[in-house]
N, C-alpha and C. Protein backbone atom coordinates (compact mmCIF):
# COMPACT_ATOMS: atom_id res chain seq x y z
N ALA A 1 104.09 92.97 115.55
CA ALA A 1 104.42 93.95 114.60
C ALA A 1 106.25 94.19 115.35
N LEU A 2 107.30 93.62 114.79
CA LEU A 2 108.53 93.53 114.84
C LEU A 2 109.36 94.64 114.54
N ALA A 3 109.83 95.19 115.71
CA ALA A 3 110.57 96.84 115.47
C ALA A 3 112.09 96.60 115.90
N VAL A 4 112.62 97.10 114.70
CA VAL A 4 114.17 96.65 114.51
C VAL A 4 114.62 98.34 114.62
N TYR A 5 115.50 98.24 115.66
CA TYR A 5 116.26 99.14 116.20
C TYR A 5 117.93 99.30 115.96
N GLY A 6 118.44 100.18 116.20
CA GLY A 6 119.86 100.59 116.15
C GLY A 6 120.59 101.66 115.66
N LYS A 7 121.56 102.10 116.06
CA LYS A 7 122.77 103.36 115.74
C LYS A 7 122.75 103.33 114.43
N ASN A 8 123.00 104.92 113.61
CA ASN A 8 123.20 105.04 112.35
C ASN A 8 124.35 103.85 111.97
N GLY A 9 124.27 103.21 110.79
CA GLY A 9 125.30 102.20 109.99
C GLY A 9 124.95 100.90 111.17
N THR A 10 124.42 100.47 110.98
CA THR A 10 123.97 99.15 112.09
C THR A 10 123.59 98.32 111.24
N GLY A 11 122.75 98.66 110.41
CA GLY A 11 122.42 97.92 109.08
C GLY A 11 120.85 97.70 108.76
N LYS A 12 120.14 98.87 109.29
CA LYS A 12 118.79 98.64 109.61
C LYS A 12 118.14 98.90 107.96
N THR A 13 118.69 99.78 107.26
CA THR A 13 118.31 99.80 105.71
C THR A 13 118.53 99.04 104.95
N THR A 14 120.02 98.15 105.06
CA THR A 14 120.24 97.37 104.55
C THR A 14 119.52 95.59 104.56
N LEU A 15 119.01 95.79 105.84
CA LEU A 15 118.23 94.53 105.96
C LEU A 15 116.81 94.43 105.65
N ALA A 16 116.45 96.26 105.64
CA ALA A 16 114.80 96.21 105.03
C ALA A 16 115.40 95.75 103.70
N LYS A 17 116.18 96.76 102.79
CA LYS A 17 116.28 95.97 101.10
C LYS A 17 116.46 94.65 101.02
N LEU A 18 116.84 93.61 101.86
CA LEU A 18 117.13 92.81 102.07
C LEU A 18 115.83 91.75 101.93
N LEU A 19 115.06 92.26 102.93
CA LEU A 19 114.00 91.54 102.77
C LEU A 19 112.75 92.24 101.95
N VAL A 20 113.00 92.74 101.46
CA VAL A 20 112.01 93.17 100.28
C VAL A 20 112.58 92.49 98.99
N GLY A 21 113.71 92.18 98.92
CA GLY A 21 114.46 91.93 97.59
C GLY A 21 115.15 92.87 96.65
N LEU A 22 115.92 93.99 97.13
CA LEU A 22 116.09 94.99 96.63
C LEU A 22 118.02 94.68 96.64
N LEU A 23 118.23 93.93 97.87
CA LEU A 23 119.52 93.57 97.49
C LEU A 23 119.43 91.78 97.64
N GLU A 24 120.45 91.28 97.42
CA GLU A 24 120.27 89.86 97.50
C GLU A 24 121.72 89.67 98.78
N PRO A 25 121.52 88.43 99.76
CA PRO A 25 122.23 88.41 101.01
C PRO A 25 123.64 87.93 99.96
N ARG A 26 124.86 87.88 101.08
CA ARG A 26 126.25 87.51 100.52
C ARG A 26 126.06 86.43 100.76
N ARG A 27 125.85 85.61 102.08
CA ARG A 27 125.75 84.87 102.56
C ARG A 27 124.36 84.79 103.30
N GLY A 28 124.07 83.35 103.63
CA GLY A 28 122.65 82.47 104.02
C GLY A 28 121.45 83.12 103.08
N SER A 29 120.30 83.31 103.70
CA SER A 29 119.11 82.88 103.04
C SER A 29 118.35 83.97 103.50
N ILE A 30 116.96 84.14 102.67
CA ILE A 30 115.50 85.35 103.76
C ILE A 30 114.60 84.01 102.91
N LEU A 31 113.78 83.72 104.11
CA LEU A 31 112.84 82.98 103.59
C LEU A 31 111.12 83.37 103.98
N ALA A 32 110.65 83.20 102.87
CA ALA A 32 109.24 83.63 102.76
C ALA A 32 108.31 82.53 102.96
N ASP A 33 107.80 81.79 104.05
CA ASP A 33 106.76 80.22 103.98
C ASP A 33 107.97 79.59 103.52
N ASN A 34 108.97 79.47 104.07
CA ASN A 34 110.24 78.06 103.94
C ASN A 34 110.86 78.12 102.54
N VAL A 35 110.42 79.46 101.71
CA VAL A 35 111.08 79.77 100.45
C VAL A 35 112.25 80.52 100.50
N THR A 36 113.17 80.28 99.82
CA THR A 36 114.04 81.81 99.62
C THR A 36 113.33 82.64 98.64
N ILE A 37 113.42 83.93 98.99
CA ILE A 37 112.65 84.80 98.25
C ILE A 37 113.36 85.00 96.87
N GLN A 38 114.72 84.51 96.65
CA GLN A 38 114.99 84.47 95.19
C GLN A 38 114.41 83.66 94.23
N GLN A 39 113.98 82.48 94.86
CA GLN A 39 112.42 81.63 93.69
C GLN A 39 111.44 82.17 93.54
N LEU A 40 111.04 83.10 94.07
CA LEU A 40 109.72 83.43 94.22
C LEU A 40 109.89 84.34 93.14
N ALA A 41 108.58 84.63 91.94
CA ALA A 41 108.39 85.09 90.76
C ALA A 41 108.54 86.85 91.32
N ALA A 42 109.39 87.52 91.01
CA ALA A 42 109.83 89.00 91.07
C ALA A 42 108.44 89.94 91.69
N PRO A 43 107.55 89.54 90.56
CA PRO A 43 106.24 90.50 90.10
C PRO A 43 105.34 90.35 91.45
N TRP A 44 105.14 88.84 91.74
CA TRP A 44 104.35 88.63 92.32
C TRP A 44 104.73 88.80 93.84
N TRP A 45 105.96 88.69 94.19
CA TRP A 45 106.57 88.78 95.74
C TRP A 45 106.67 90.66 95.71
N ARG A 46 106.59 91.54 94.51
CA ARG A 46 106.39 92.80 95.17
C ARG A 46 105.02 93.06 95.70
N ASN A 47 104.25 92.80 94.90
CA ASN A 47 102.80 92.81 95.54
C ASN A 47 102.27 91.84 96.65
N GLN A 48 103.33 91.41 97.22
CA GLN A 48 102.79 90.90 98.49
C GLN A 48 103.19 91.85 99.83
N ILE A 49 103.99 92.81 99.25
CA ILE A 49 104.87 93.79 100.16
C ILE A 49 104.19 95.17 99.93
N VAL A 50 104.02 95.77 101.28
CA VAL A 50 103.55 96.97 101.52
C VAL A 50 105.35 97.39 101.88
N TYR A 51 105.79 98.61 101.39
CA TYR A 51 107.16 99.13 101.44
C TYR A 51 107.40 100.37 101.46
N MET A 52 107.83 101.02 102.41
CA MET A 52 108.22 102.34 102.36
C MET A 52 109.67 102.60 102.40
N PRO A 53 110.51 102.71 102.08
CA PRO A 53 111.59 103.48 102.18
C PRO A 53 112.50 104.42 102.88
N GLN A 54 113.42 104.30 102.95
CA GLN A 54 114.06 105.72 103.94
C GLN A 54 114.04 106.87 103.25
N GLU A 55 114.19 106.83 102.01
CA GLU A 55 114.89 107.59 101.09
C GLU A 55 113.73 107.38 99.53
N PRO A 56 112.78 107.65 99.71
CA PRO A 56 112.23 106.99 98.48
C PRO A 56 112.55 108.10 97.14
N THR A 57 112.35 107.57 96.25
CA THR A 57 112.02 107.74 94.88
C THR A 57 111.24 107.48 93.64
N PHE A 58 110.89 108.24 92.96
CA PHE A 58 109.51 108.23 92.56
C PHE A 58 110.08 107.93 90.80
N ILE A 59 109.07 107.31 90.02
CA ILE A 59 109.23 107.91 88.24
C ILE A 59 109.20 108.98 87.68
N ASN A 60 109.23 109.65 86.82
CA ASN A 60 109.10 111.25 86.63
C ASN A 60 107.62 110.71 85.72
N ALA A 61 106.71 110.68 86.15
CA ALA A 61 105.16 110.91 85.55
C ALA A 61 104.18 111.60 87.12
N THR A 62 103.06 111.28 86.39
CA THR A 62 102.17 111.85 87.64
C THR A 62 102.00 111.80 88.78
N ILE A 63 101.40 112.11 89.70
CA ILE A 63 101.54 111.15 91.30
C ILE A 63 100.50 110.24 91.06
N ARG A 64 99.33 110.40 90.12
CA ARG A 64 98.15 109.24 89.99
C ARG A 64 99.33 108.29 89.39
N GLU A 65 100.05 108.10 88.43
CA GLU A 65 100.52 107.01 87.57
C GLU A 65 101.94 106.73 88.84
N ASN A 66 102.42 107.48 89.58
CA ASN A 66 103.45 106.83 90.56
C ASN A 66 102.64 105.88 91.67
N LEU A 67 101.28 106.25 92.14
CA LEU A 67 100.32 105.76 93.29
C LEU A 67 99.87 104.35 92.38
N LEU A 68 100.04 103.96 91.16
CA LEU A 68 99.03 103.41 90.78
C LEU A 68 99.88 102.53 90.18
N LEU A 69 101.11 102.62 89.99
CA LEU A 69 102.36 101.68 89.69
C LEU A 69 102.25 100.02 89.78
N MET A 70 101.81 99.91 91.24
CA MET A 70 101.86 98.48 91.56
C MET A 70 100.92 98.05 91.53
N ASN A 71 99.59 98.63 91.37
CA ASN A 71 97.99 98.36 91.17
C ASN A 71 97.05 99.08 90.54
N PRO A 72 97.61 99.05 88.89
CA PRO A 72 96.47 99.93 87.88
C PRO A 72 95.40 99.52 88.05
N ASP A 73 94.64 98.43 88.38
CA ASP A 73 93.50 98.57 88.55
C ASP A 73 92.67 99.06 90.05
N LEU A 74 93.16 100.01 90.83
CA LEU A 74 92.69 100.00 91.78
C LEU A 74 91.46 101.25 91.51
N GLY A 75 90.14 100.86 92.33
CA GLY A 75 89.24 102.16 92.28
C GLY A 75 89.49 102.98 92.70
N ASP A 76 88.98 104.28 92.24
CA ASP A 76 89.03 105.90 92.57
C ASP A 76 88.49 105.93 94.21
N ALA A 77 87.57 104.87 94.60
CA ALA A 77 86.76 105.20 96.09
C ALA A 77 88.24 104.24 96.73
N GLN A 78 88.81 103.46 96.47
CA GLN A 78 90.08 102.88 97.24
C GLN A 78 91.17 104.04 97.50
N LEU A 79 91.46 104.55 96.19
CA LEU A 79 92.82 105.39 95.69
C LEU A 79 92.58 106.50 97.07
N ASN A 80 91.17 106.98 96.78
CA ASN A 80 90.90 108.51 97.93
C ASN A 80 90.96 107.58 99.52
N ASN A 81 90.63 106.69 99.66
CA ASN A 81 90.83 106.29 101.06
C ASN A 81 92.24 105.98 101.48
N VAL A 82 93.48 105.72 100.81
CA VAL A 82 94.19 105.65 100.88
C VAL A 82 95.18 106.78 100.72
N LEU A 83 94.39 107.46 100.03
CA LEU A 83 95.06 108.99 100.07
C LEU A 83 94.61 109.92 101.66
N ARG A 84 93.50 109.38 101.82
CA ARG A 84 93.11 109.88 102.89
C ARG A 84 94.11 109.32 104.33
N ILE A 85 94.44 108.02 104.53
CA ILE A 85 94.84 107.52 105.28
C ILE A 85 96.30 108.14 105.57
N SER A 86 96.78 108.17 104.05
CA SER A 86 98.23 108.87 104.38
C SER A 86 98.62 110.17 104.55
N ASP A 87 97.28 111.21 104.98
CA ASP A 87 96.92 112.59 105.35
C ASP A 87 98.07 113.23 103.24
N LEU A 88 97.78 112.88 102.71
CA LEU A 88 97.81 113.43 101.36
C LEU A 88 96.66 114.61 100.88
N LYS A 89 95.39 114.38 101.31
CA LYS A 89 94.08 114.74 100.63
C LYS A 89 94.33 116.36 101.17
N THR A 90 94.85 117.09 101.74
CA THR A 90 95.11 118.43 101.90
C THR A 90 96.26 118.99 101.08
N PHE A 91 96.96 118.44 101.43
CA PHE A 91 98.46 118.55 99.71
C PHE A 91 97.75 118.81 98.57
N LEU A 92 97.51 117.72 98.15
CA LEU A 92 96.54 117.56 96.74
C LEU A 92 95.75 118.77 96.51
N ASP A 93 94.48 119.16 97.36
CA ASP A 93 93.49 120.17 97.79
C ASP A 93 94.19 121.25 97.04
N GLN A 94 95.28 121.66 97.49
CA GLN A 94 96.15 122.92 97.69
C GLN A 94 97.14 122.63 96.39
N THR A 95 97.42 121.81 95.50
CA THR A 95 98.14 121.64 94.55
C THR A 95 97.39 121.85 93.02
N PRO A 96 97.37 122.78 92.11
CA PRO A 96 96.59 123.08 91.47
C PRO A 96 96.16 122.15 90.38
N ASP A 97 97.10 121.05 89.80
CA ASP A 97 96.87 120.00 89.52
C ASP A 97 97.08 118.70 90.09
N GLY A 98 96.32 118.60 91.32
CA GLY A 98 96.30 117.62 92.15
C GLY A 98 96.80 116.32 91.74
N LEU A 99 95.80 115.06 91.80
CA LEU A 99 96.78 113.51 91.39
C LEU A 99 97.20 114.06 89.65
N ASP A 100 97.30 114.66 89.47
CA ASP A 100 97.99 114.81 87.86
C ASP A 100 99.26 115.58 88.06
N THR A 101 99.57 116.23 89.23
CA THR A 101 100.81 117.02 89.27
C THR A 101 102.02 116.22 88.74
N GLN A 102 102.73 116.90 87.91
CA GLN A 102 103.97 115.95 87.76
C GLN A 102 105.10 115.85 88.78
N VAL A 103 105.59 114.49 88.46
CA VAL A 103 107.10 114.66 89.12
C VAL A 103 107.97 114.47 88.30
N THR A 104 109.13 115.33 88.92
CA THR A 104 110.19 115.43 88.16
C THR A 104 110.91 115.22 89.20
N ASP A 105 112.27 115.00 88.81
CA ASP A 105 113.62 114.84 89.14
C ASP A 105 113.75 113.46 90.32
N ASN A 106 112.83 112.41 89.56
CA ASN A 106 112.31 111.39 90.64
C ASN A 106 112.15 111.82 92.05
N GLY A 107 110.84 112.73 91.93
CA GLY A 107 110.29 113.39 93.25
C GLY A 107 111.22 114.05 93.98
N LYS A 108 112.28 114.78 93.51
CA LYS A 108 113.15 115.46 94.33
C LYS A 108 112.36 117.22 94.35
N ASN A 109 111.61 117.05 93.64
CA ASN A 109 110.88 118.67 93.44
C ASN A 109 109.67 118.60 94.62
N LEU A 110 109.35 117.78 95.36
CA LEU A 110 108.79 117.80 96.26
C LEU A 110 109.12 117.54 97.67
N PRO A 111 108.58 118.12 98.95
CA PRO A 111 109.14 118.37 99.83
C PRO A 111 109.36 116.96 100.88
N LEU A 112 110.40 116.15 101.50
CA LEU A 112 111.08 115.15 102.12
C LEU A 112 109.55 114.76 102.78
N GLY A 113 108.89 115.21 103.44
CA GLY A 113 107.60 114.67 104.02
C GLY A 113 106.68 114.35 103.36
N ILE A 114 106.16 115.15 102.27
CA ILE A 114 104.97 114.61 101.23
C ILE A 114 105.92 113.31 100.28
N ARG A 115 107.28 113.38 99.80
CA ARG A 115 107.41 112.37 99.44
C ARG A 115 107.65 111.03 100.30
N ARG A 116 107.99 110.88 101.85
CA ARG A 116 107.62 110.01 102.55
C ARG A 116 105.72 109.46 102.38
N ARG A 117 105.35 110.54 102.59
CA ARG A 117 103.78 110.25 102.64
C ARG A 117 103.54 109.22 101.35
N LEU A 118 103.63 109.82 100.29
CA LEU A 118 103.99 109.79 98.78
C LEU A 118 104.25 108.01 98.67
N SER A 119 105.25 107.96 99.34
CA SER A 119 105.47 106.48 99.46
C SER A 119 105.06 105.45 100.23
N LEU A 120 104.39 106.03 101.24
CA LEU A 120 103.20 104.93 102.34
C LEU A 120 102.24 104.76 101.39
N ALA A 121 101.75 105.53 100.82
CA ALA A 121 100.61 105.49 100.15
C ALA A 121 100.64 104.68 98.83
N ARG A 122 101.80 104.97 98.33
CA ARG A 122 102.23 103.66 96.94
C ARG A 122 102.11 102.59 97.38
N GLY A 123 102.93 101.98 98.61
CA GLY A 123 103.06 101.00 99.38
C GLY A 123 101.33 100.32 99.50
N LEU A 124 101.01 101.53 100.00
CA LEU A 124 99.55 100.71 100.79
C LEU A 124 98.71 99.92 99.73
N VAL A 125 98.96 100.46 98.43
CA VAL A 125 97.74 100.36 96.93
C VAL A 125 97.70 98.74 96.69
N THR A 126 98.72 98.20 97.28
CA THR A 126 99.05 96.56 96.76
C THR A 126 98.51 95.49 97.85
N ASP A 127 97.91 96.48 99.04
CA ASP A 127 97.34 95.91 100.31
C ASP A 127 98.22 94.33 100.42
N GLY A 128 99.34 94.45 100.58
CA GLY A 128 100.57 93.21 100.86
C GLY A 128 99.97 92.74 101.95
N LYS A 129 100.50 91.96 102.65
CA LYS A 129 100.79 91.05 103.75
C LYS A 129 101.86 91.19 104.78
N LEU A 130 103.26 91.59 103.90
CA LEU A 130 104.10 92.01 104.53
C LEU A 130 104.37 93.64 104.61
N VAL A 131 104.14 94.16 105.86
CA VAL A 131 104.68 95.74 105.59
C VAL A 131 106.18 96.12 106.14
N VAL A 132 107.08 96.55 105.67
CA VAL A 132 108.41 96.82 105.42
C VAL A 132 108.64 98.57 105.70
N LEU A 133 108.49 99.14 106.68
CA LEU A 133 108.69 100.36 106.99
C LEU A 133 110.16 100.65 107.35
N ASP A 134 110.90 102.00 106.68
CA ASP A 134 111.90 101.92 107.17
C ASP A 134 112.04 103.54 107.49
N GLU A 135 112.21 103.75 109.29
CA GLU A 135 111.95 105.11 109.25
C GLU A 135 111.08 106.04 109.22
N PRO A 136 109.81 105.02 109.36
CA PRO A 136 108.39 105.86 108.75
C PRO A 136 108.26 107.03 109.18
N THR A 137 108.74 107.50 110.29
CA THR A 137 108.44 108.88 111.06
C THR A 137 109.49 109.83 110.97
N ASP A 138 110.05 109.59 110.14
CA ASP A 138 111.27 110.10 109.87
C ASP A 138 111.18 111.27 108.84
N ALA A 139 111.60 112.94 109.43
CA ALA A 139 110.87 113.79 108.50
C ALA A 139 109.49 114.05 108.78
N MET A 140 109.12 113.39 109.33
CA MET A 140 107.25 113.96 109.29
C MET A 140 107.64 114.69 110.26
N ASP A 141 105.79 115.89 109.73
CA ASP A 141 105.70 116.98 111.03
C ASP A 141 105.04 115.94 111.61
N GLU A 142 104.20 116.64 113.04
CA GLU A 142 103.37 116.09 114.16
C GLU A 142 102.18 115.36 113.35
N GLN A 143 101.44 115.73 112.44
CA GLN A 143 100.04 115.80 111.63
C GLN A 143 100.66 114.11 111.01
N GLY A 144 101.86 114.38 110.09
CA GLY A 144 102.73 113.20 109.39
C GLY A 144 102.65 112.01 110.13
N VAL A 145 103.36 112.28 111.43
CA VAL A 145 103.73 110.71 112.23
C VAL A 145 102.52 110.33 112.63
N LEU A 146 101.37 111.41 113.26
CA LEU A 146 100.05 110.70 113.79
C LEU A 146 99.41 109.78 112.76
N ALA A 147 99.54 110.30 111.30
CA ALA A 147 99.04 109.43 109.99
C ALA A 147 99.78 107.74 110.28
N VAL A 148 100.86 107.87 110.08
CA VAL A 148 102.05 106.65 110.48
C VAL A 148 101.46 105.96 111.46
N TYR A 149 101.30 106.21 112.73
CA TYR A 149 100.77 105.83 113.83
C TYR A 149 99.09 105.09 113.37
N ASN A 150 98.71 105.71 112.75
CA ASN A 150 97.12 105.52 112.57
C ASN A 150 97.14 104.52 111.62
N ILE A 151 98.08 104.36 110.71
CA ILE A 151 97.88 103.54 109.70
C ILE A 151 98.77 102.48 110.10
N MET A 152 99.64 101.77 111.02
CA MET A 152 100.32 101.20 111.76
C MET A 152 99.17 100.48 112.57
N ASN A 153 98.41 101.21 113.17
CA ASN A 153 97.12 100.56 114.06
C ASN A 153 96.39 99.76 113.34
N HIS A 154 96.16 100.59 111.90
CA HIS A 154 95.00 99.77 111.13
C HIS A 154 95.49 98.47 110.63
N LEU A 155 97.17 98.30 110.47
CA LEU A 155 97.59 97.23 109.68
C LEU A 155 97.72 96.21 110.91
N ILE A 156 97.95 96.81 111.93
CA ILE A 156 98.08 95.71 112.62
C ILE A 156 96.60 94.88 113.15
N LYS A 157 95.49 95.78 113.18
CA LYS A 157 93.97 95.34 113.27
C LYS A 157 93.73 94.22 112.03
N SER A 158 94.48 94.54 110.79
CA SER A 158 94.71 93.92 109.70
C SER A 158 95.12 92.69 109.66
N GLN A 159 95.55 92.35 110.38
CA GLN A 159 96.60 90.80 110.59
C GLN A 159 97.36 90.83 109.57
N LYS A 160 98.18 92.20 109.44
CA LYS A 160 99.19 91.84 108.56
C LYS A 160 100.42 91.68 109.47
N THR A 161 101.65 91.13 108.76
CA THR A 161 103.03 91.22 109.47
C THR A 161 103.87 92.41 109.05
N ILE A 162 103.88 92.70 110.23
CA ILE A 162 104.98 94.48 110.49
C ILE A 162 106.18 94.54 110.69
N ILE A 163 106.88 94.73 109.76
CA ILE A 163 108.43 94.81 110.47
C ILE A 163 109.00 96.40 110.22
N VAL A 164 109.16 96.95 111.00
CA VAL A 164 109.41 98.36 110.72
C VAL A 164 110.71 98.79 111.75
N PHE A 165 111.57 99.36 110.71
CA PHE A 165 112.91 100.09 111.26
C PHE A 165 112.68 101.37 112.12
N SER A 166 113.20 101.44 112.67
CA SER A 166 112.66 102.58 113.59
C SER A 166 113.49 103.09 115.01
N ASN A 167 113.24 104.01 115.44
CA ASN A 167 114.30 104.57 116.78
C ASN A 167 113.27 105.36 117.45
N ASP A 168 112.32 105.23 117.05
CA ASP A 168 110.76 105.90 117.47
C ASP A 168 109.97 105.47 118.44
N PRO A 169 110.21 106.01 119.63
CA PRO A 169 110.14 105.40 121.39
C PRO A 169 108.60 105.15 121.13
N LYS A 170 107.62 105.72 120.74
CA LYS A 170 106.34 105.03 120.78
C LYS A 170 106.01 103.63 119.64
N ILE A 171 106.91 103.82 118.59
CA ILE A 171 106.98 102.75 118.01
C ILE A 171 107.18 101.39 118.42
N LEU A 172 108.49 101.75 119.05
CA LEU A 172 109.18 100.41 119.86
C LEU A 172 108.58 99.80 121.23
N LYS A 173 107.47 100.72 121.75
CA LYS A 173 106.71 100.91 122.98
C LYS A 173 105.50 99.78 122.62
N GLY A 174 104.76 100.08 121.16
CA GLY A 174 103.47 99.08 120.42
C GLY A 174 103.98 97.68 120.02
N ALA A 175 105.65 97.75 119.78
CA ALA A 175 105.83 96.31 118.93
C ALA A 175 105.64 95.19 119.86
N ALA A 176 105.18 93.95 119.02
CA ALA A 176 105.37 92.60 119.89
C ALA A 176 106.93 92.31 120.35
N MET A 177 107.82 92.61 119.44
CA MET A 177 109.03 92.12 119.70
C MET A 177 109.81 93.09 118.76
N ILE A 178 111.45 93.10 119.50
CA ILE A 178 112.10 93.95 119.08
C ILE A 178 113.19 93.59 118.94
N LEU A 179 113.98 93.87 118.20
CA LEU A 179 115.22 93.46 117.47
C LEU A 179 116.74 94.49 117.68
N ASN A 180 117.28 94.47 118.44
CA ASN A 180 118.37 95.59 118.46
C ASN A 180 120.01 95.20 117.87
N LEU A 181 119.65 96.07 117.03
CA LEU A 181 120.84 95.79 116.02
C LEU A 181 121.89 96.33 116.93
N ASN A 182 122.51 96.86 117.91
CA ASN A 182 123.38 97.53 118.56
C ASN A 182 124.12 96.77 119.47
N VAL A 183 123.64 95.57 119.69
CA VAL A 183 123.99 94.29 120.11
C VAL A 183 125.30 93.41 119.26
N LYS A 184 126.47 93.51 119.47
CA LYS A 184 127.56 92.67 118.29
C LYS A 184 127.84 91.56 119.04
N PRO A 185 128.20 90.60 118.56
CA PRO A 185 128.64 89.97 117.06
C PRO A 185 127.02 89.68 116.66
N LYS A 186 126.09 89.06 117.67
CA LYS A 186 124.58 88.84 117.25
C LYS A 186 123.50 89.64 117.72
N PRO A 187 123.00 90.27 116.87
CA PRO A 187 121.91 90.70 117.41
C PRO A 187 120.84 90.81 118.56
N GLU A 188 120.03 91.34 118.99
CA GLU A 188 119.35 90.71 120.39
C GLU A 188 117.74 90.77 119.75
N LEU A 189 117.21 89.74 120.27
CA LEU A 189 115.58 89.67 119.76
C LEU A 189 115.01 89.58 121.29
N LYS A 190 114.09 90.44 121.59
CA LYS A 190 113.10 90.75 122.74
C LYS A 190 111.69 90.11 122.49
N LEU A 191 111.14 89.54 123.08
CA LEU A 191 109.73 89.37 122.84
C LEU A 191 109.18 90.36 124.12
N LEU A 192 107.89 91.02 123.84
CA LEU A 192 107.45 92.35 124.81
C LEU A 192 105.85 91.93 124.83
N PRO A 193 105.64 92.02 126.21
CA PRO A 193 104.03 92.10 126.76
C PRO A 193 103.71 93.09 126.15
N VAL A 194 102.95 93.02 125.34
CA VAL A 194 101.87 94.23 124.69
C VAL A 194 100.23 93.94 125.16
N GLN A 195 99.90 95.01 125.27
CA GLN A 195 98.21 94.97 125.95
C GLN A 195 97.63 94.41 124.63
N ALA A 196 96.51 93.73 124.72
CA ALA A 196 95.88 93.39 123.99
C ALA A 196 95.22 94.63 123.04
N GLY A 197 94.92 94.93 121.91
CA GLY A 197 94.73 96.50 121.26
C GLY A 197 95.33 97.65 121.51
N GLU A 198 96.50 97.45 122.30
CA GLU A 198 97.10 98.99 122.79
C GLU A 198 97.25 99.47 121.33
N GLY A 199 98.10 98.94 120.91
CA GLY A 199 98.78 99.48 119.30
C GLY A 199 99.76 100.47 119.85
N ILE A 200 99.58 101.65 118.85
CA ILE A 200 101.02 102.62 118.83
C ILE A 200 100.53 103.78 119.48
């Protein structure tokens, strides 16, 4: 896993958006297997990525429809597993309509911690090979933070490529590489000795 850290305004979120193709670079290019991502078919590229943005937004539809947007054929057993590991089961069990709860105002009707869990679950349904997490533990309660750590450890064991943008000390300690955006004019990349199986 690569952890990218830096102060506010150093470009963490911008870099995350560039990696997933939401922004195009003004100069230079971003390559995936030696191909610029602009040359890749956008729907195919989106399905290769598990993306959790810092400020998640949703379509005004049910929670189920939001989660299945990127993988409408996902089976109930797989969806329930994603909900369990994203720590959403308790919230949905306490909500009268559960997965059929209507999302309004692009998700702003939901607490930020729940929006972030839903965003993570939405990313996990693609089972993409590249995982991009932008401040995954930000605005999470202790249980949500533990869920994020567990998911990251699971993704590491599943041989996913993980790029996480975070200042969380535990995430930084568990990374194999750290990119420090605070160093100017060129960010500093460090390889870290990680104990086998240590994780986060």
